[in-house]
Amino acid sequence: NATKVVLDKQDGPVILAGHSWGGA
């Protein structure tokens, strides 16, 4: 949910990168 809040604020396409737990 916190990630989606940040995504909502972006102006264009986003590439998400995750390490360890971040992959989930």
mmCIF file of all heavy atoms, coordinates in Angstrom:
data_MODEL
# 
_entry.id   MODEL 
# 
loop_
_atom_site.group_PDB 
_atom_site.id 
_atom_site.type_symbol 
_atom_site.label_atom_id 
_atom_site.label_alt_id 
_atom_site.label_comp_id 
_atom_site.label_asym_id 
_atom_site.label_entity_id 
_atom_site.label_seq_id 
_atom_site.pdbx_PDB_ins_code 
_atom_site.Cartn_x 
_atom_site.Cartn_y 
_atom_site.Cartn_z 
_atom_site.occupancy 
_atom_site.B_iso_or_equiv 
_atom_site.pdbx_formal_charge 
_atom_site.auth_seq_id 
_atom_site.auth_comp_id 
_atom_site.auth_asym_id 
_atom_site.auth_atom_id 
_atom_site.pdbx_PDB_model_num 
ATOM 1   N N   . ASN A 1 1  ? 0.826  -1.215  0.000   1.00 0.00 ? 1  ASN A N   1 
ATOM 2   C CA  . ASN A 1 1  ? 0.000  0.000   0.000   1.00 0.00 ? 1  ASN A CA  1 
ATOM 3   C C   . ASN A 1 1  ? 0.856  1.259   0.000   1.00 0.00 ? 1  ASN A C   1 
ATOM 4   O O   . ASN A 1 1  ? 0.556  2.218   -0.718  1.00 0.00 ? 1  ASN A O   1 
ATOM 5   C CB  . ASN A 1 1  ? -0.959 -0.002  1.192   1.00 0.00 ? 1  ASN A CB  1 
ATOM 6   C CG  . ASN A 1 1  ? -2.079 -0.999  1.025   1.00 0.00 ? 1  ASN A CG  1 
ATOM 7   O OD1 . ASN A 1 1  ? -2.423 -1.393  -0.086  1.00 0.00 ? 1  ASN A OD1 1 
ATOM 8   N ND2 . ASN A 1 1  ? -2.650 -1.435  2.131   1.00 0.00 ? 1  ASN A ND2 1 
ATOM 9   N N   . ALA A 1 2  ? 1.938  1.263   0.771   1.00 0.00 ? 2  ALA A N   1 
ATOM 10  C CA  . ALA A 1 2  ? 2.839  2.423   0.795   1.00 0.00 ? 2  ALA A CA  1 
ATOM 11  C C   . ALA A 1 2  ? 3.483  2.629   -0.571  1.00 0.00 ? 2  ALA A C   1 
ATOM 12  O O   . ALA A 1 2  ? 3.626  3.767   -1.042  1.00 0.00 ? 2  ALA A O   1 
ATOM 13  C CB  . ALA A 1 2  ? 3.909  2.235   1.867   1.00 0.00 ? 2  ALA A CB  1 
ATOM 14  N N   . THR A 1 3  ? 3.840  1.545   -1.230  1.00 0.00 ? 3  THR A N   1 
ATOM 15  C CA  . THR A 1 3  ? 4.432  1.634   -2.568  1.00 0.00 ? 3  THR A CA  1 
ATOM 16  C C   . THR A 1 3  ? 3.437  2.203   -3.561  1.00 0.00 ? 3  THR A C   1 
ATOM 17  O O   . THR A 1 3  ? 3.769  3.067   -4.384  1.00 0.00 ? 3  THR A O   1 
ATOM 18  C CB  . THR A 1 3  ? 4.918  0.242   -3.034  1.00 0.00 ? 3  THR A CB  1 
ATOM 19  O OG1 . THR A 1 3  ? 5.863  -0.250  -2.075  1.00 0.00 ? 3  THR A OG1 1 
ATOM 20  C CG2 . THR A 1 3  ? 5.555  0.300   -4.405  1.00 0.00 ? 3  THR A CG2 1 
ATOM 21  N N   . LYS A 1 4  ? 2.197  1.770   -3.470  1.00 0.00 ? 4  LYS A N   1 
ATOM 22  C CA  . LYS A 1 4  ? 1.162  2.258   -4.392  1.00 0.00 ? 4  LYS A CA  1 
ATOM 23  C C   . LYS A 1 4  ? 0.853  3.738   -4.173  1.00 0.00 ? 4  LYS A C   1 
ATOM 24  O O   . LYS A 1 4  ? 0.556  4.449   -5.133  1.00 0.00 ? 4  LYS A O   1 
ATOM 25  C CB  . LYS A 1 4  ? -0.096 1.402   -4.275  1.00 0.00 ? 4  LYS A CB  1 
ATOM 26  C CG  . LYS A 1 4  ? 0.099  0.023   -4.884  1.00 0.00 ? 4  LYS A CG  1 
ATOM 27  C CD  . LYS A 1 4  ? -1.163 -0.812  -4.819  1.00 0.00 ? 4  LYS A CD  1 
ATOM 28  C CE  . LYS A 1 4  ? -0.970 -2.136  -5.536  1.00 0.00 ? 4  LYS A CE  1 
ATOM 29  N NZ  . LYS A 1 4  ? -2.193 -2.953  -5.534  1.00 0.00 ? 4  LYS A NZ  1 
ATOM 30  N N   . VAL A 1 5  ? 0.956  4.203   -2.938  1.00 0.00 ? 5  VAL A N   1 
ATOM 31  C CA  . VAL A 1 5  ? 0.764  5.636   -2.661  1.00 0.00 ? 5  VAL A CA  1 
ATOM 32  C C   . VAL A 1 5  ? 1.824  6.452   -3.399  1.00 0.00 ? 5  VAL A C   1 
ATOM 33  O O   . VAL A 1 5  ? 1.530  7.479   -4.019  1.00 0.00 ? 5  VAL A O   1 
ATOM 34  C CB  . VAL A 1 5  ? 0.801  5.921   -1.139  1.00 0.00 ? 5  VAL A CB  1 
ATOM 35  C CG1 . VAL A 1 5  ? 0.930  7.408   -0.854  1.00 0.00 ? 5  VAL A CG1 1 
ATOM 36  C CG2 . VAL A 1 5  ? -0.438 5.355   -0.467  1.00 0.00 ? 5  VAL A CG2 1 
ATOM 37  N N   . VAL A 1 6  ? 3.068  5.981   -3.350  1.00 0.00 ? 6  VAL A N   1 
ATOM 38  C CA  . VAL A 1 6  ? 4.156  6.675   -4.046  1.00 0.00 ? 6  VAL A CA  1 
ATOM 39  C C   . VAL A 1 6  ? 3.953  6.588   -5.558  1.00 0.00 ? 6  VAL A C   1 
ATOM 40  O O   . VAL A 1 6  ? 4.149  7.576   -6.273  1.00 0.00 ? 6  VAL A O   1 
ATOM 41  C CB  . VAL A 1 6  ? 5.528  6.088   -3.639  1.00 0.00 ? 6  VAL A CB  1 
ATOM 42  C CG1 . VAL A 1 6  ? 6.640  6.675   -4.477  1.00 0.00 ? 6  VAL A CG1 1 
ATOM 43  C CG2 . VAL A 1 6  ? 5.779  6.331   -2.160  1.00 0.00 ? 6  VAL A CG2 1 
ATOM 44  N N   . LEU A 1 7  ? 3.540  5.432   -6.048  1.00 0.00 ? 7  LEU A N   1 
ATOM 45  C CA  . LEU A 1 7  ? 3.297  5.277   -7.490  1.00 0.00 ? 7  LEU A CA  1 
ATOM 46  C C   . LEU A 1 7  ? 2.219  6.242   -7.980  1.00 0.00 ? 7  LEU A C   1 
ATOM 47  O O   . LEU A 1 7  ? 2.341  6.807   -9.070  1.00 0.00 ? 7  LEU A O   1 
ATOM 48  C CB  . LEU A 1 7  ? 2.894  3.835   -7.808  1.00 0.00 ? 7  LEU A CB  1 
ATOM 49  C CG  . LEU A 1 7  ? 3.997  2.792   -7.689  1.00 0.00 ? 7  LEU A CG  1 
ATOM 50  C CD1 . LEU A 1 7  ? 3.408  1.400   -7.765  1.00 0.00 ? 7  LEU A CD1 1 
ATOM 51  C CD2 . LEU A 1 7  ? 5.050  2.998   -8.759  1.00 0.00 ? 7  LEU A CD2 1 
ATOM 52  N N   . ASP A 1 8  ? 1.183  6.425   -7.193  1.00 0.00 ? 8  ASP A N   1 
ATOM 53  C CA  . ASP A 1 8  ? 0.095  7.341   -7.568  1.00 0.00 ? 8  ASP A CA  1 
ATOM 54  C C   . ASP A 1 8  ? 0.603  8.764   -7.790  1.00 0.00 ? 8  ASP A C   1 
ATOM 55  O O   . ASP A 1 8  ? 0.033  9.515   -8.580  1.00 0.00 ? 8  ASP A O   1 
ATOM 56  C CB  . ASP A 1 8  ? -0.987 7.369   -6.491  1.00 0.00 ? 8  ASP A CB  1 
ATOM 57  C CG  . ASP A 1 8  ? -1.835 6.114   -6.468  1.00 0.00 ? 8  ASP A CG  1 
ATOM 58  O OD1 . ASP A 1 8  ? -1.920 5.419   -7.500  1.00 0.00 ? 8  ASP A OD1 1 
ATOM 59  O OD2 . ASP A 1 8  ? -2.430 5.834   -5.405  1.00 0.00 ? 8  ASP A OD2 1 
ATOM 60  N N   . LYS A 1 9  ? 1.679  9.132   -7.125  1.00 0.00 ? 9  LYS A N   1 
ATOM 61  C CA  . LYS A 1 9  ? 2.209  10.498  -7.193  1.00 0.00 ? 9  LYS A CA  1 
ATOM 62  C C   . LYS A 1 9  ? 3.180  10.713  -8.346  1.00 0.00 ? 9  LYS A C   1 
ATOM 63  O O   . LYS A 1 9  ? 3.615  11.835  -8.583  1.00 0.00 ? 9  LYS A O   1 
ATOM 64  C CB  . LYS A 1 9  ? 2.895  10.846  -5.878  1.00 0.00 ? 9  LYS A CB  1 
ATOM 65  C CG  . LYS A 1 9  ? 1.927  10.871  -4.707  1.00 0.00 ? 9  LYS A CG  1 
ATOM 66  C CD  . LYS A 1 9  ? 2.635  11.165  -3.414  1.00 0.00 ? 9  LYS A CD  1 
ATOM 67  C CE  . LYS A 1 9  ? 1.632  11.158  -2.268  1.00 0.00 ? 9  LYS A CE  1 
ATOM 68  N NZ  . LYS A 1 9  ? 2.271  11.454  -0.990  1.00 0.00 ? 9  LYS A NZ  1 
ATOM 69  N N   . GLN A 1 10 ? 3.516  9.651   -9.074  1.00 0.00 ? 10 GLN A N   1 
ATOM 70  C CA  . GLN A 1 10 ? 4.479  9.763   -10.163 1.00 0.00 ? 10 GLN A CA  1 
ATOM 71  C C   . GLN A 1 10 ? 3.801  10.264  -11.436 1.00 0.00 ? 10 GLN A C   1 
ATOM 72  O O   . GLN A 1 10 ? 2.641  9.972   -11.679 1.00 0.00 ? 10 GLN A O   1 
ATOM 73  C CB  . GLN A 1 10 ? 5.151  8.420   -10.421 1.00 0.00 ? 10 GLN A CB  1 
ATOM 74  C CG  . GLN A 1 10 ? 5.848  7.846   -9.197  1.00 0.00 ? 10 GLN A CG  1 
ATOM 75  C CD  . GLN A 1 10 ? 6.781  8.832   -8.527  1.00 0.00 ? 10 GLN A CD  1 
ATOM 76  O OE1 . GLN A 1 10 ? 7.699  9.360   -9.146  1.00 0.00 ? 10 GLN A OE1 1 
ATOM 77  N NE2 . GLN A 1 10 ? 6.535  9.099   -7.251  1.00 0.00 ? 10 GLN A NE2 1 
ATOM 78  N N   . ASP A 1 11 ? 4.558  11.013  -12.243 1.00 0.00 ? 11 ASP A N   1 
ATOM 79  C CA  . ASP A 1 11 ? 4.014  11.603  -13.465 1.00 0.00 ? 11 ASP A CA  1 
ATOM 80  C C   . ASP A 1 11 ? 4.009  10.657  -14.660 1.00 0.00 ? 11 ASP A C   1 
ATOM 81  O O   . ASP A 1 11 ? 3.251  10.851  -15.603 1.00 0.00 ? 11 ASP A O   1 
ATOM 82  C CB  . ASP A 1 11 ? 4.806  12.865  -13.849 1.00 0.00 ? 11 ASP A CB  1 
ATOM 83  C CG  . ASP A 1 11 ? 4.590  13.991  -12.853 1.00 0.00 ? 11 ASP A CG  1 
ATOM 84  O OD1 . ASP A 1 11 ? 3.501  14.078  -12.272 1.00 0.00 ? 11 ASP A OD1 1 
ATOM 85  O OD2 . ASP A 1 11 ? 5.537  14.771  -12.659 1.00 0.00 ? 11 ASP A OD2 1 
ATOM 86  N N   . GLY A 1 12 ? 4.851  9.651   -14.644 1.00 0.00 ? 12 GLY A N   1 
ATOM 87  C CA  . GLY A 1 12 ? 4.956  8.771   -15.803 1.00 0.00 ? 12 GLY A CA  1 
ATOM 88  C C   . GLY A 1 12 ? 5.232  7.344   -15.389 1.00 0.00 ? 12 GLY A C   1 
ATOM 89  O O   . GLY A 1 12 ? 5.092  6.989   -14.217 1.00 0.00 ? 12 GLY A O   1 
ATOM 90  N N   . PRO A 1 13 ? 5.636  6.529   -16.345 1.00 0.00 ? 13 PRO A N   1 
ATOM 91  C CA  . PRO A 1 13 ? 5.911  5.122   -16.072 1.00 0.00 ? 13 PRO A CA  1 
ATOM 92  C C   . PRO A 1 13 ? 7.056  4.952   -15.069 1.00 0.00 ? 13 PRO A C   1 
ATOM 93  O O   . PRO A 1 13 ? 7.976  5.767   -15.010 1.00 0.00 ? 13 PRO A O   1 
ATOM 94  C CB  . PRO A 1 13 ? 6.320  4.554   -17.428 1.00 0.00 ? 13 PRO A CB  1 
ATOM 95  C CG  . PRO A 1 13 ? 5.941  5.561   -18.438 1.00 0.00 ? 13 PRO A CG  1 
ATOM 96  C CD  . PRO A 1 13 ? 5.840  6.878   -17.746 1.00 0.00 ? 13 PRO A CD  1 
ATOM 97  N N   . VAL A 1 14 ? 6.968  3.880   -14.301 1.00 0.00 ? 14 VAL A N   1 
ATOM 98  C CA  . VAL A 1 14 ? 7.926  3.614   -13.233 1.00 0.00 ? 14 VAL A CA  1 
ATOM 99  C C   . VAL A 1 14 ? 8.477  2.197   -13.387 1.00 0.00 ? 14 VAL A C   1 
ATOM 100 O O   . VAL A 1 14 ? 7.746  1.275   -13.742 1.00 0.00 ? 14 VAL A O   1 
ATOM 101 C CB  . VAL A 1 14 ? 7.229  3.743   -11.860 1.00 0.00 ? 14 VAL A CB  1 
ATOM 102 C CG1 . VAL A 1 14 ? 8.149  3.350   -10.730 1.00 0.00 ? 14 VAL A CG1 1 
ATOM 103 C CG2 . VAL A 1 14 ? 6.704  5.153   -11.651 1.00 0.00 ? 14 VAL A CG2 1 
ATOM 104 N N   . ILE A 1 15 ? 9.756  2.037   -13.101 1.00 0.00 ? 15 ILE A N   1 
ATOM 105 C CA  . ILE A 1 15 ? 10.362 0.718   -12.995 1.00 0.00 ? 15 ILE A CA  1 
ATOM 106 C C   . ILE A 1 15 ? 10.615 0.470   -11.514 1.00 0.00 ? 15 ILE A C   1 
ATOM 107 O O   . ILE A 1 15 ? 11.303 1.247   -10.856 1.00 0.00 ? 15 ILE A O   1 
ATOM 108 C CB  . ILE A 1 15 ? 11.683 0.632   -13.785 1.00 0.00 ? 15 ILE A CB  1 
ATOM 109 C CG1 . ILE A 1 15 ? 11.413 0.837   -15.274 1.00 0.00 ? 15 ILE A CG1 1 
ATOM 110 C CG2 . ILE A 1 15 ? 12.379 -0.703  -13.529 1.00 0.00 ? 15 ILE A CG2 1 
ATOM 111 C CD1 . ILE A 1 15 ? 12.651 0.938   -16.124 1.00 0.00 ? 15 ILE A CD1 1 
ATOM 112 N N   . LEU A 1 16 ? 10.018 -0.607  -10.996 1.00 0.00 ? 16 LEU A N   1 
ATOM 113 C CA  . LEU A 1 16 ? 10.220 -0.952  -9.591  1.00 0.00 ? 16 LEU A CA  1 
ATOM 114 C C   . LEU A 1 16 ? 11.358 -1.947  -9.482  1.00 0.00 ? 16 LEU A C   1 
ATOM 115 O O   . LEU A 1 16 ? 11.422 -2.915  -10.238 1.00 0.00 ? 16 LEU A O   1 
ATOM 116 C CB  . LEU A 1 16 ? 8.958  -1.588  -8.998  1.00 0.00 ? 16 LEU A CB  1 
ATOM 117 C CG  . LEU A 1 16 ? 7.727  -0.706  -8.845  1.00 0.00 ? 16 LEU A CG  1 
ATOM 118 C CD1 . LEU A 1 16 ? 6.578  -1.525  -8.252  1.00 0.00 ? 16 LEU A CD1 1 
ATOM 119 C CD2 . LEU A 1 16 ? 8.028  0.496   -7.967  1.00 0.00 ? 16 LEU A CD2 1 
ATOM 120 N N   . ALA A 1 17 ? 12.251 -1.705  -8.539  1.00 0.00 ? 17 ALA A N   1 
ATOM 121 C CA  . ALA A 1 17 ? 13.334 -2.641  -8.250  1.00 0.00 ? 17 ALA A CA  1 
ATOM 122 C C   . ALA A 1 17 ? 13.195 -3.098  -6.812  1.00 0.00 ? 17 ALA A C   1 
ATOM 123 O O   . ALA A 1 17 ? 12.891 -2.297  -5.921  1.00 0.00 ? 17 ALA A O   1 
ATOM 124 C CB  . ALA A 1 17 ? 14.687 -1.968  -8.459  1.00 0.00 ? 17 ALA A CB  1 
ATOM 125 N N   . GLY A 1 18 ? 13.381 -4.394  -6.600  1.00 0.00 ? 18 GLY A N   1 
ATOM 126 C CA  . GLY A 1 18 ? 13.259 -4.918  -5.250  1.00 0.00 ? 18 GLY A CA  1 
ATOM 127 C C   . GLY A 1 18 ? 14.415 -5.833  -4.905  1.00 0.00 ? 18 GLY A C   1 
ATOM 128 O O   . GLY A 1 18 ? 14.850 -6.643  -5.715  1.00 0.00 ? 18 GLY A O   1 
ATOM 129 N N   . HIS A 1 19 ? 14.913 -5.682  -3.686  1.00 0.00 ? 19 HIS A N   1 
ATOM 130 C CA  . HIS A 1 19 ? 15.976 -6.531  -3.159  1.00 0.00 ? 19 HIS A CA  1 
ATOM 131 C C   . HIS A 1 19 ? 15.409 -7.293  -1.964  1.00 0.00 ? 19 HIS A C   1 
ATOM 132 O O   . HIS A 1 19 ? 14.725 -6.710  -1.122  1.00 0.00 ? 19 HIS A O   1 
ATOM 133 C CB  . HIS A 1 19 ? 17.162 -5.662  -2.720  1.00 0.00 ? 19 HIS A CB  1 
ATOM 134 C CG  . HIS A 1 19 ? 18.217 -6.440  -2.002  1.00 0.00 ? 19 HIS A CG  1 
ATOM 135 N ND1 . HIS A 1 19 ? 18.216 -6.586  -0.641  1.00 0.00 ? 19 HIS A ND1 1 
ATOM 136 C CD2 . HIS A 1 19 ? 19.275 -7.141  -2.461  1.00 0.00 ? 19 HIS A CD2 1 
ATOM 137 C CE1 . HIS A 1 19 ? 19.253 -7.323  -0.288  1.00 0.00 ? 19 HIS A CE1 1 
ATOM 138 N NE2 . HIS A 1 19 ? 19.906 -7.674  -1.374  1.00 0.00 ? 19 HIS A NE2 1 
ATOM 139 N N   . SER A 1 20 ? 15.665 -8.585  -1.906  1.00 0.00 ? 20 SER A N   1 
ATOM 140 C CA  . SER A 1 20 ? 15.242 -9.429  -0.807  1.00 0.00 ? 20 SER A CA  1 
ATOM 141 C C   . SER A 1 20 ? 13.726 -9.333  -0.626  1.00 0.00 ? 20 SER A C   1 
ATOM 142 O O   . SER A 1 20 ? 12.974 -9.601  -1.559  1.00 0.00 ? 20 SER A O   1 
ATOM 143 C CB  . SER A 1 20 ? 16.013 -9.052  0.459   1.00 0.00 ? 20 SER A CB  1 
ATOM 144 O OG  . SER A 1 20 ? 15.755 -9.974  1.484   1.00 0.00 ? 20 SER A OG  1 
ATOM 145 N N   . TRP A 1 21 ? 13.270 -8.908  0.535   1.00 0.00 ? 21 TRP A N   1 
ATOM 146 C CA  . TRP A 1 21 ? 11.831 -8.766  0.820   1.00 0.00 ? 21 TRP A CA  1 
ATOM 147 C C   . TRP A 1 21 ? 11.147 -7.866  -0.197  1.00 0.00 ? 21 TRP A C   1 
ATOM 148 O O   . TRP A 1 21 ? 9.979  -8.056  -0.547  1.00 0.00 ? 21 TRP A O   1 
ATOM 149 C CB  . TRP A 1 21 ? 11.641 -8.204  2.231   1.00 0.00 ? 21 TRP A CB  1 
ATOM 150 C CG  . TRP A 1 21 ? 10.245 -7.764  2.553   1.00 0.00 ? 21 TRP A CG  1 
ATOM 151 C CD1 . TRP A 1 21 ? 9.776  -6.472  2.554   1.00 0.00 ? 21 TRP A CD1 1 
ATOM 152 C CD2 . TRP A 1 21 ? 9.143  -8.587  2.900   1.00 0.00 ? 21 TRP A CD2 1 
ATOM 153 N NE1 . TRP A 1 21 ? 8.443  -6.451  2.889   1.00 0.00 ? 21 TRP A NE1 1 
ATOM 154 C CE2 . TRP A 1 21 ? 8.030  -7.758  3.105   1.00 0.00 ? 21 TRP A CE2 1 
ATOM 155 C CE3 . TRP A 1 21 ? 8.969  -9.950  3.049   1.00 0.00 ? 21 TRP A CE3 1 
ATOM 156 C CZ2 . TRP A 1 21 ? 6.788  -8.231  3.465   1.00 0.00 ? 21 TRP A CZ2 1 
ATOM 157 C CZ3 . TRP A 1 21 ? 7.730  -10.416 3.412   1.00 0.00 ? 21 TRP A CZ3 1 
ATOM 158 C CH2 . TRP A 1 21 ? 6.658  -9.562  3.616   1.00 0.00 ? 21 TRP A CH2 1 
ATOM 159 N N   . GLY A 1 22 ? 11.868 -6.896  -0.707  1.00 0.00 ? 22 GLY A N   1 
ATOM 160 C CA  . GLY A 1 22 ? 11.306 -5.967  -1.688  1.00 0.00 ? 22 GLY A CA  1 
ATOM 161 C C   . GLY A 1 22 ? 10.800 -6.666  -2.938  1.00 0.00 ? 22 GLY A C   1 
ATOM 162 O O   . GLY A 1 22 ? 9.915  -6.158  -3.626  1.00 0.00 ? 22 GLY A O   1 
ATOM 163 N N   . GLY A 1 23 ? 11.338 -7.853  -3.229  1.00 0.00 ? 23 GLY A N   1 
ATOM 164 C CA  . GLY A 1 23 ? 10.852 -8.616  -4.373  1.00 0.00 ? 23 GLY A CA  1 
ATOM 165 C C   . GLY A 1 23 ? 9.394  -8.999  -4.222  1.00 0.00 ? 23 GLY A C   1 
ATOM 166 O O   . GLY A 1 23 ? 8.610  -8.935  -5.176  1.00 0.00 ? 23 GLY A O   1 
ATOM 167 N N   . ALA A 1 24 ? 9.018  -9.382  -3.017  1.00 0.00 ? 24 ALA A N   1 
ATOM 168 C CA  . ALA A 1 24 ? 7.614  -9.711  -2.748  1.00 0.00 ? 24 ALA A CA  1 
ATOM 169 C C   . ALA A 1 24 ? 6.742  -8.465  -2.864  1.00 0.00 ? 24 ALA A C   1 
ATOM 170 O O   . ALA A 1 24 ? 5.638  -8.510  -3.409  1.00 0.00 ? 24 ALA A O   1 
ATOM 171 C CB  . ALA A 1 24 ? 7.482  -10.331 -1.363  1.00 0.00 ? 24 ALA A CB  1 
# 
